[in-house]
Amino acid sequence: MSESTTITVLAIWGAVLSSITLVWNLYRDFLQRGRLRVTCYIGQIFGDPAISHEKRLLIWNVTNIGKEPVVLTNIGGSFGETAFVINTRDPLPRTLRSGDYFTGFSDDLSVLKQELEYLCAHDSLGRVFKASKKIVKEMKRKFESGEYTTG
């Protein structure tokens, strides 16, 4: 093997190896960033004297499923051009480490009207994490049919 062939093979090997390393680092960084899972449901609270256990509430459960901390700034949703946020009992913003969760709720079920596009959580980087469309659609259907009472 001539010297120029050896140099060419080593250059190709170096380029391939550095490309693999670059792709791996980008992939790893993408997977390790903080991500939030937003789950919304209708529920009731028992054991809190300030809230009647018969009152139905729209509940947001926000969990950091990523590996990096995320600063949760607010929870809410959107009616298209108009967004809304929920004034939570526990103060926001809050840093959620990996595996940490936040639960907030609203007793105003009227947000489930047909114009509702999504329910979500926002982080300090401006990212919007939405609840499942299927679940939101089912809650809207049940609200419209009168299955949920607002009082």
N, C-alpha and C. Protein backbone atom coordinates (compact mmCIF):
# COMPACT_ATOMS: atom_id res chain seq x y z
N MET A 1 0.85 -1.16 0.00
CA MET A 1 0.00 0.00 0.00
C MET A 1 0.90 1.23 0.00
N SER A 2 0.63 2.15 -0.89
CA SER A 2 1.47 3.35 -1.00
C SER A 2 1.10 4.34 0.11
N GLU A 3 1.98 5.30 0.29
CA GLU A 3 1.79 6.29 1.35
C GLU A 3 0.54 7.14 1.11
N SER A 4 0.27 7.53 -0.13
CA SER A 4 -0.92 8.34 -0.43
C SER A 4 -2.21 7.55 -0.21
N THR A 5 -2.17 6.23 -0.49
CA THR A 5 -3.35 5.39 -0.24
C THR A 5 -3.61 5.29 1.26
N THR A 6 -2.56 5.12 2.04
CA THR A 6 -2.69 5.03 3.49
C THR A 6 -3.28 6.33 4.05
N ILE A 7 -2.77 7.45 3.57
CA ILE A 7 -3.28 8.75 4.03
C ILE A 7 -4.75 8.92 3.66
N THR A 8 -5.14 8.51 2.46
CA THR A 8 -6.53 8.61 2.02
C THR A 8 -7.43 7.73 2.88
N VAL A 9 -7.00 6.50 3.16
CA VAL A 9 -7.79 5.59 3.99
C VAL A 9 -7.95 6.17 5.40
N LEU A 10 -6.87 6.69 5.97
CA LEU A 10 -6.94 7.28 7.31
C LEU A 10 -7.84 8.52 7.32
N ALA A 11 -7.79 9.33 6.27
CA ALA A 11 -8.65 10.51 6.18
C ALA A 11 -10.11 10.11 6.11
N ILE A 12 -10.43 9.10 5.31
CA ILE A 12 -11.82 8.62 5.20
C ILE A 12 -12.27 8.05 6.54
N TRP A 13 -11.42 7.25 7.17
CA TRP A 13 -11.75 6.66 8.48
C TRP A 13 -12.01 7.77 9.50
N GLY A 14 -11.18 8.81 9.53
CA GLY A 14 -11.37 9.93 10.45
C GLY A 14 -12.67 10.68 10.19
N ALA A 15 -12.99 10.88 8.92
CA ALA A 15 -14.23 11.57 8.57
C ALA A 15 -15.45 10.75 9.00
N VAL A 16 -15.41 9.45 8.76
CA VAL A 16 -16.53 8.57 9.14
C VAL A 16 -16.68 8.55 10.65
N LEU A 17 -15.59 8.38 11.36
CA LEU A 17 -15.64 8.32 12.82
C LEU A 17 -16.13 9.63 13.42
N SER A 18 -15.65 10.77 12.93
CA SER A 18 -16.10 12.06 13.47
C SER A 18 -17.57 12.32 13.13
N SER A 19 -18.04 11.85 11.97
CA SER A 19 -19.45 12.00 11.61
C SER A 19 -20.34 11.18 12.53
N ILE A 20 -19.90 9.95 12.83
CA ILE A 20 -20.66 9.09 13.75
C ILE A 20 -20.72 9.74 15.13
N THR A 21 -19.61 10.29 15.59
CA THR A 21 -19.55 10.95 16.90
C THR A 21 -20.48 12.16 16.94
N LEU A 22 -20.49 12.95 15.88
CA LEU A 22 -21.36 14.12 15.82
C LEU A 22 -22.83 13.72 15.88
N VAL A 23 -23.21 12.73 15.08
CA VAL A 23 -24.60 12.26 15.07
C VAL A 23 -24.98 11.72 16.45
N TRP A 24 -24.12 10.95 17.09
CA TRP A 24 -24.41 10.39 18.40
C TRP A 24 -24.61 11.51 19.43
N ASN A 25 -23.74 12.52 19.42
CA ASN A 25 -23.87 13.62 20.37
C ASN A 25 -25.16 14.40 20.17
N LEU A 26 -25.53 14.66 18.94
CA LEU A 26 -26.79 15.35 18.67
C LEU A 26 -27.98 14.52 19.12
N TYR A 27 -27.97 13.23 18.83
CA TYR A 27 -29.03 12.32 19.23
C TYR A 27 -29.14 12.27 20.75
N ARG A 28 -28.01 12.11 21.43
CA ARG A 28 -28.00 12.03 22.90
C ARG A 28 -28.51 13.33 23.52
N ASP A 29 -28.06 14.48 23.00
CA ASP A 29 -28.51 15.76 23.54
C ASP A 29 -30.00 15.96 23.33
N PHE A 30 -30.51 15.50 22.22
CA PHE A 30 -31.95 15.61 21.96
C PHE A 30 -32.73 14.77 22.96
N LEU A 31 -32.26 13.55 23.25
CA LEU A 31 -32.98 12.67 24.17
C LEU A 31 -32.86 13.11 25.62
N GLN A 32 -31.76 13.77 25.98
CA GLN A 32 -31.56 14.11 27.38
C GLN A 32 -32.18 15.43 27.79
N ARG A 33 -32.68 16.20 26.87
CA ARG A 33 -33.27 17.48 27.26
C ARG A 33 -34.56 17.23 28.05
N GLY A 34 -34.96 18.24 28.79
CA GLY A 34 -36.18 18.12 29.57
C GLY A 34 -37.41 18.12 28.69
N ARG A 35 -38.33 17.25 28.99
CA ARG A 35 -39.61 17.18 28.26
C ARG A 35 -40.72 16.99 29.27
N LEU A 36 -41.85 17.57 28.98
CA LEU A 36 -42.99 17.47 29.90
C LEU A 36 -44.09 16.63 29.28
N ARG A 37 -44.68 15.77 30.08
CA ARG A 37 -45.88 15.03 29.68
C ARG A 37 -47.04 15.68 30.41
N VAL A 38 -48.05 16.10 29.64
CA VAL A 38 -49.22 16.76 30.21
C VAL A 38 -50.41 15.82 30.11
N THR A 39 -50.98 15.52 31.26
CA THR A 39 -52.17 14.68 31.32
C THR A 39 -53.28 15.49 31.97
N CYS A 40 -54.43 15.54 31.32
CA CYS A 40 -55.57 16.28 31.87
C CYS A 40 -56.74 15.32 32.05
N TYR A 41 -57.50 15.56 33.10
CA TYR A 41 -58.66 14.71 33.38
C TYR A 41 -59.61 15.45 34.31
N ILE A 42 -60.81 14.92 34.43
CA ILE A 42 -61.80 15.45 35.36
C ILE A 42 -61.73 14.61 36.63
N GLY A 43 -61.65 15.28 37.77
CA GLY A 43 -61.54 14.55 39.03
C GLY A 43 -62.13 15.34 40.17
N GLN A 44 -61.99 14.79 41.36
CA GLN A 44 -62.49 15.42 42.58
C GLN A 44 -61.38 15.36 43.63
N ILE A 45 -61.43 16.28 44.58
CA ILE A 45 -60.45 16.31 45.66
C ILE A 45 -61.17 15.98 46.96
N PHE A 46 -60.60 15.03 47.69
CA PHE A 46 -61.14 14.65 48.99
C PHE A 46 -60.15 15.04 50.06
N GLY A 47 -60.64 15.45 51.21
CA GLY A 47 -59.78 15.77 52.34
C GLY A 47 -59.32 17.21 52.39
N ASP A 48 -59.79 18.06 51.50
CA ASP A 48 -59.44 19.49 51.53
C ASP A 48 -60.70 20.25 51.95
N PRO A 49 -60.71 20.81 53.16
CA PRO A 49 -61.92 21.49 53.63
C PRO A 49 -62.31 22.71 52.79
N ALA A 50 -61.38 23.27 52.04
CA ALA A 50 -61.66 24.45 51.23
C ALA A 50 -62.42 24.10 49.95
N ILE A 51 -62.42 22.81 49.57
CA ILE A 51 -63.05 22.41 48.31
C ILE A 51 -64.03 21.27 48.59
N SER A 52 -65.25 21.43 48.13
CA SER A 52 -66.26 20.39 48.29
C SER A 52 -65.83 19.15 47.53
N HIS A 53 -65.95 17.98 48.15
CA HIS A 53 -65.56 16.74 47.47
C HIS A 53 -66.54 16.38 46.36
N GLU A 54 -67.66 17.09 46.28
CA GLU A 54 -68.62 16.83 45.21
C GLU A 54 -68.31 17.66 43.96
N LYS A 55 -67.45 18.64 44.09
CA LYS A 55 -67.13 19.53 42.97
C LYS A 55 -66.19 18.83 41.99
N ARG A 56 -66.56 18.88 40.71
CA ARG A 56 -65.69 18.32 39.68
C ARG A 56 -64.68 19.37 39.24
N LEU A 57 -63.45 18.92 39.03
CA LEU A 57 -62.36 19.81 38.68
C LEU A 57 -61.67 19.34 37.41
N LEU A 58 -61.19 20.28 36.63
CA LEU A 58 -60.34 19.98 35.49
C LEU A 58 -58.91 20.00 36.02
N ILE A 59 -58.23 18.85 35.95
CA ILE A 59 -56.93 18.68 36.58
C ILE A 59 -55.84 18.50 35.53
N TRP A 60 -54.74 19.22 35.72
CA TRP A 60 -53.53 19.07 34.89
C TRP A 60 -52.49 18.34 35.73
N ASN A 61 -51.91 17.28 35.21
CA ASN A 61 -50.77 16.63 35.83
C ASN A 61 -49.62 16.77 34.85
N VAL A 62 -48.56 17.46 35.25
CA VAL A 62 -47.42 17.76 34.37
C VAL A 62 -46.19 17.07 34.97
N THR A 63 -45.59 16.15 34.20
CA THR A 63 -44.44 15.37 34.65
C THR A 63 -43.24 15.61 33.75
N ASN A 64 -42.07 15.82 34.34
CA ASN A 64 -40.84 15.92 33.56
C ASN A 64 -40.37 14.51 33.22
N ILE A 65 -40.48 14.12 31.95
CA ILE A 65 -40.07 12.79 31.52
C ILE A 65 -38.70 12.81 30.85
N GLY A 66 -38.07 13.99 30.82
CA GLY A 66 -36.72 14.10 30.26
C GLY A 66 -35.68 13.88 31.33
N LYS A 67 -34.42 14.07 30.97
CA LYS A 67 -33.33 13.87 31.92
C LYS A 67 -32.78 15.16 32.49
N GLU A 68 -33.18 16.30 31.93
CA GLU A 68 -32.73 17.60 32.41
C GLU A 68 -33.88 18.32 33.11
N PRO A 69 -33.58 19.21 34.07
CA PRO A 69 -34.64 19.98 34.73
C PRO A 69 -35.35 20.91 33.74
N VAL A 70 -36.64 21.15 34.02
CA VAL A 70 -37.46 22.05 33.21
C VAL A 70 -38.16 23.00 34.17
N VAL A 71 -38.22 24.28 33.80
CA VAL A 71 -38.94 25.25 34.61
C VAL A 71 -40.35 25.39 34.03
N LEU A 72 -41.32 24.87 34.77
CA LEU A 72 -42.73 24.98 34.39
C LEU A 72 -43.20 26.37 34.75
N THR A 73 -43.69 27.14 33.76
CA THR A 73 -44.11 28.52 34.04
C THR A 73 -45.61 28.66 34.23
N ASN A 74 -46.42 27.91 33.47
CA ASN A 74 -47.87 27.96 33.66
C ASN A 74 -48.54 26.80 32.97
N ILE A 75 -49.81 26.61 33.34
CA ILE A 75 -50.66 25.61 32.70
C ILE A 75 -51.88 26.33 32.17
N GLY A 76 -52.48 25.77 31.15
CA GLY A 76 -53.66 26.42 30.56
C GLY A 76 -54.08 25.74 29.29
N GLY A 77 -54.41 26.54 28.28
CA GLY A 77 -54.87 26.00 27.02
C GLY A 77 -55.07 27.11 26.00
N SER A 78 -55.76 26.76 24.92
CA SER A 78 -55.96 27.74 23.85
C SER A 78 -57.32 27.54 23.18
N PHE A 79 -57.92 28.67 22.84
CA PHE A 79 -59.15 28.70 22.04
C PHE A 79 -58.83 29.19 20.63
N GLY A 80 -57.66 28.89 20.13
CA GLY A 80 -57.24 29.37 18.82
C GLY A 80 -56.35 30.57 18.99
N GLU A 81 -56.89 31.75 18.70
CA GLU A 81 -56.12 32.99 18.84
C GLU A 81 -55.97 33.41 20.30
N THR A 82 -56.83 32.91 21.16
CA THR A 82 -56.84 33.32 22.56
C THR A 82 -56.33 32.19 23.45
N ALA A 83 -55.27 32.47 24.18
CA ALA A 83 -54.73 31.50 25.14
C ALA A 83 -55.22 31.86 26.53
N PHE A 84 -55.26 30.87 27.41
CA PHE A 84 -55.61 31.14 28.81
C PHE A 84 -54.65 30.39 29.71
N VAL A 85 -54.45 30.92 30.90
CA VAL A 85 -53.63 30.26 31.92
C VAL A 85 -54.47 30.09 33.17
N ILE A 86 -54.09 29.10 33.95
CA ILE A 86 -54.80 28.79 35.19
C ILE A 86 -54.02 29.37 36.37
N ASN A 87 -54.72 30.07 37.25
CA ASN A 87 -54.12 30.57 38.47
C ASN A 87 -54.10 29.41 39.46
N THR A 88 -52.91 28.85 39.70
CA THR A 88 -52.79 27.64 40.52
C THR A 88 -52.64 27.98 42.00
N ARG A 89 -53.05 27.04 42.86
CA ARG A 89 -52.89 27.21 44.30
C ARG A 89 -51.41 27.16 44.68
N ASP A 90 -50.67 26.25 44.08
CA ASP A 90 -49.23 26.17 44.32
C ASP A 90 -48.53 27.10 43.34
N PRO A 91 -47.56 27.86 43.81
CA PRO A 91 -46.97 28.90 42.96
C PRO A 91 -46.17 28.34 41.78
N LEU A 92 -46.30 29.02 40.65
CA LEU A 92 -45.48 28.77 39.47
C LEU A 92 -44.74 30.06 39.18
N PRO A 93 -43.56 30.05 38.63
CA PRO A 93 -42.86 28.92 38.04
C PRO A 93 -42.27 27.97 39.10
N ARG A 94 -42.03 26.76 38.63
CA ARG A 94 -41.46 25.72 39.47
C ARG A 94 -40.52 24.87 38.63
N THR A 95 -39.35 24.55 39.19
CA THR A 95 -38.39 23.69 38.50
C THR A 95 -38.75 22.24 38.77
N LEU A 96 -38.93 21.49 37.69
CA LEU A 96 -39.22 20.07 37.79
C LEU A 96 -37.98 19.30 37.37
N ARG A 97 -37.39 18.58 38.31
CA ARG A 97 -36.28 17.71 37.98
C ARG A 97 -36.82 16.46 37.29
N SER A 98 -35.95 15.65 36.77
CA SER A 98 -36.37 14.43 36.09
C SER A 98 -37.25 13.59 37.01
N GLY A 99 -38.45 13.27 36.56
CA GLY A 99 -39.38 12.46 37.34
C GLY A 99 -40.30 13.26 38.24
N ASP A 100 -40.02 14.55 38.47
CA ASP A 100 -40.89 15.38 39.31
C ASP A 100 -42.18 15.72 38.56
N TYR A 101 -43.24 16.01 39.32
CA TYR A 101 -44.51 16.37 38.69
C TYR A 101 -45.15 17.54 39.42
N PHE A 102 -46.09 18.16 38.75
CA PHE A 102 -46.88 19.25 39.30
C PHE A 102 -48.34 18.96 38.97
N THR A 103 -49.21 19.18 39.93
CA THR A 103 -50.64 19.01 39.70
C THR A 103 -51.34 20.33 40.00
N GLY A 104 -52.10 20.79 39.02
CA GLY A 104 -52.89 22.01 39.17
C GLY A 104 -54.31 21.73 38.71
N PHE A 105 -55.23 22.57 39.11
CA PHE A 105 -56.62 22.32 38.72
C PHE A 105 -57.41 23.61 38.62
N SER A 106 -58.55 23.50 37.96
CA SER A 106 -59.50 24.60 37.83
C SER A 106 -60.90 24.05 38.07
N ASP A 107 -61.71 24.83 38.75
CA ASP A 107 -63.11 24.41 38.94
C ASP A 107 -64.00 24.96 37.83
N ASP A 108 -63.42 25.70 36.88
CA ASP A 108 -64.17 26.26 35.77
C ASP A 108 -64.14 25.30 34.58
N LEU A 109 -65.14 24.44 34.50
CA LEU A 109 -65.19 23.46 33.41
C LEU A 109 -65.66 24.08 32.10
N SER A 110 -66.05 25.35 32.13
CA SER A 110 -66.53 25.99 30.90
C SER A 110 -65.42 26.12 29.86
N VAL A 111 -64.16 25.94 30.25
CA VAL A 111 -63.08 25.98 29.25
C VAL A 111 -63.17 24.79 28.29
N LEU A 112 -63.97 23.80 28.63
CA LEU A 112 -64.12 22.61 27.78
C LEU A 112 -65.11 22.82 26.64
N LYS A 113 -65.49 24.06 26.37
CA LYS A 113 -66.42 24.32 25.28
C LYS A 113 -65.80 23.92 23.94
N GLN A 114 -66.59 23.85 22.90
CA GLN A 114 -66.16 23.35 21.59
C GLN A 114 -64.99 24.13 20.99
N GLU A 115 -64.85 25.41 21.33
CA GLU A 115 -63.78 26.24 20.76
C GLU A 115 -62.40 25.86 21.29
N LEU A 116 -62.35 25.08 22.38
CA LEU A 116 -61.07 24.68 22.97
C LEU A 116 -60.26 23.88 21.96
N GLU A 117 -59.03 24.33 21.71
CA GLU A 117 -58.15 23.60 20.79
C GLU A 117 -57.26 22.62 21.53
N TYR A 118 -56.68 23.06 22.65
CA TYR A 118 -55.82 22.16 23.41
C TYR A 118 -55.64 22.66 24.83
N LEU A 119 -55.22 21.73 25.71
CA LEU A 119 -54.80 22.03 27.06
C LEU A 119 -53.30 21.79 27.11
N CYS A 120 -52.56 22.60 27.88
CA CYS A 120 -51.11 22.52 27.76
C CYS A 120 -50.40 23.02 29.01
N ALA A 121 -49.07 22.88 28.96
CA ALA A 121 -48.17 23.45 29.95
C ALA A 121 -47.07 24.18 29.18
N HIS A 122 -46.57 25.28 29.76
CA HIS A 122 -45.51 26.06 29.12
C HIS A 122 -44.27 26.02 30.00
N ASP A 123 -43.09 25.98 29.35
CA ASP A 123 -41.86 26.06 30.12
C ASP A 123 -41.19 27.42 29.92
N SER A 124 -40.08 27.63 30.61
CA SER A 124 -39.41 28.94 30.58
C SER A 124 -38.71 29.20 29.25
N LEU A 125 -38.55 28.19 28.40
CA LEU A 125 -37.95 28.38 27.09
C LEU A 125 -39.00 28.70 26.03
N GLY A 126 -40.27 28.80 26.45
CA GLY A 126 -41.34 29.11 25.51
C GLY A 126 -41.91 27.89 24.81
N ARG A 127 -41.49 26.70 25.22
CA ARG A 127 -42.04 25.49 24.59
C ARG A 127 -43.43 25.20 25.16
N VAL A 128 -44.28 24.67 24.31
CA VAL A 128 -45.65 24.32 24.69
C VAL A 128 -45.78 22.81 24.63
N PHE A 129 -46.19 22.21 25.73
CA PHE A 129 -46.39 20.76 25.80
C PHE A 129 -47.89 20.51 25.94
N LYS A 130 -48.47 19.83 24.97
CA LYS A 130 -49.92 19.68 24.90
C LYS A 130 -50.38 18.34 25.44
N ALA A 131 -51.57 18.36 26.00
CA ALA A 131 -52.22 17.12 26.43
C ALA A 131 -52.72 16.39 25.19
N SER A 132 -52.98 15.11 25.33
CA SER A 132 -53.44 14.28 24.23
C SER A 132 -54.73 14.84 23.60
N LYS A 133 -54.72 14.96 22.27
CA LYS A 133 -55.91 15.45 21.56
C LYS A 133 -57.11 14.54 21.80
N LYS A 134 -56.86 13.26 21.87
CA LYS A 134 -57.94 12.28 22.07
C LYS A 134 -58.63 12.51 23.42
N ILE A 135 -57.85 12.72 24.45
CA ILE A 135 -58.42 12.93 25.78
C ILE A 135 -59.17 14.26 25.85
N VAL A 136 -58.59 15.31 25.27
CA VAL A 136 -59.26 16.61 25.27
C VAL A 136 -60.57 16.54 24.49
N LYS A 137 -60.56 15.86 23.36
CA LYS A 137 -61.78 15.71 22.56
C LYS A 137 -62.86 14.97 23.34
N GLU A 138 -62.48 13.92 24.07
CA GLU A 138 -63.45 13.16 24.87
C GLU A 138 -64.01 14.01 26.01
N MET A 139 -63.17 14.80 26.69
CA MET A 139 -63.65 15.66 27.77
C MET A 139 -64.61 16.72 27.22
N LYS A 140 -64.30 17.29 26.05
CA LYS A 140 -65.19 18.27 25.43
C LYS A 140 -66.54 17.64 25.10
N ARG A 141 -66.51 16.42 24.57
CA ARG A 141 -67.75 15.72 24.22
C ARG A 141 -68.60 15.50 25.47
N LYS A 142 -67.98 15.03 26.54
CA LYS A 142 -68.71 14.78 27.78
C LYS A 142 -69.25 16.07 28.39
N PHE A 143 -68.49 17.17 28.29
CA PHE A 143 -68.96 18.45 28.81
C PHE A 143 -70.18 18.92 28.01
N GLU A 144 -70.09 18.85 26.70
CA GLU A 144 -71.20 19.28 25.83
C GLU A 144 -72.46 18.44 26.06
N SER A 145 -72.30 17.16 26.38
CA SER A 145 -73.46 16.29 26.59
C SER A 145 -74.05 16.47 27.98
N GLY A 146 -73.40 17.29 28.83
CA GLY A 146 -73.93 17.55 30.17
C GLY A 146 -73.47 16.52 31.19
N GLU A 147 -72.52 15.69 30.84
CA GLU A 147 -72.05 14.67 31.76
C GLU A 147 -71.29 15.27 32.95
N TYR A 148 -70.63 16.40 32.72
CA TYR A 148 -69.92 17.09 33.80
C TYR A 148 -70.78 18.25 34.25
N THR A 149 -70.95 18.35 35.55
CA THR A 149 -71.66 19.51 36.09
C THR A 149 -70.62 20.53 36.53
N THR A 150 -70.94 21.79 36.45
CA THR A 150 -69.98 22.84 36.80
C THR A 150 -70.13 23.31 38.23
N GLY A 151 -70.96 22.72 38.99
CA GLY A 151 -71.15 23.20 40.36
C GLY A 151 -71.16 22.17 41.33
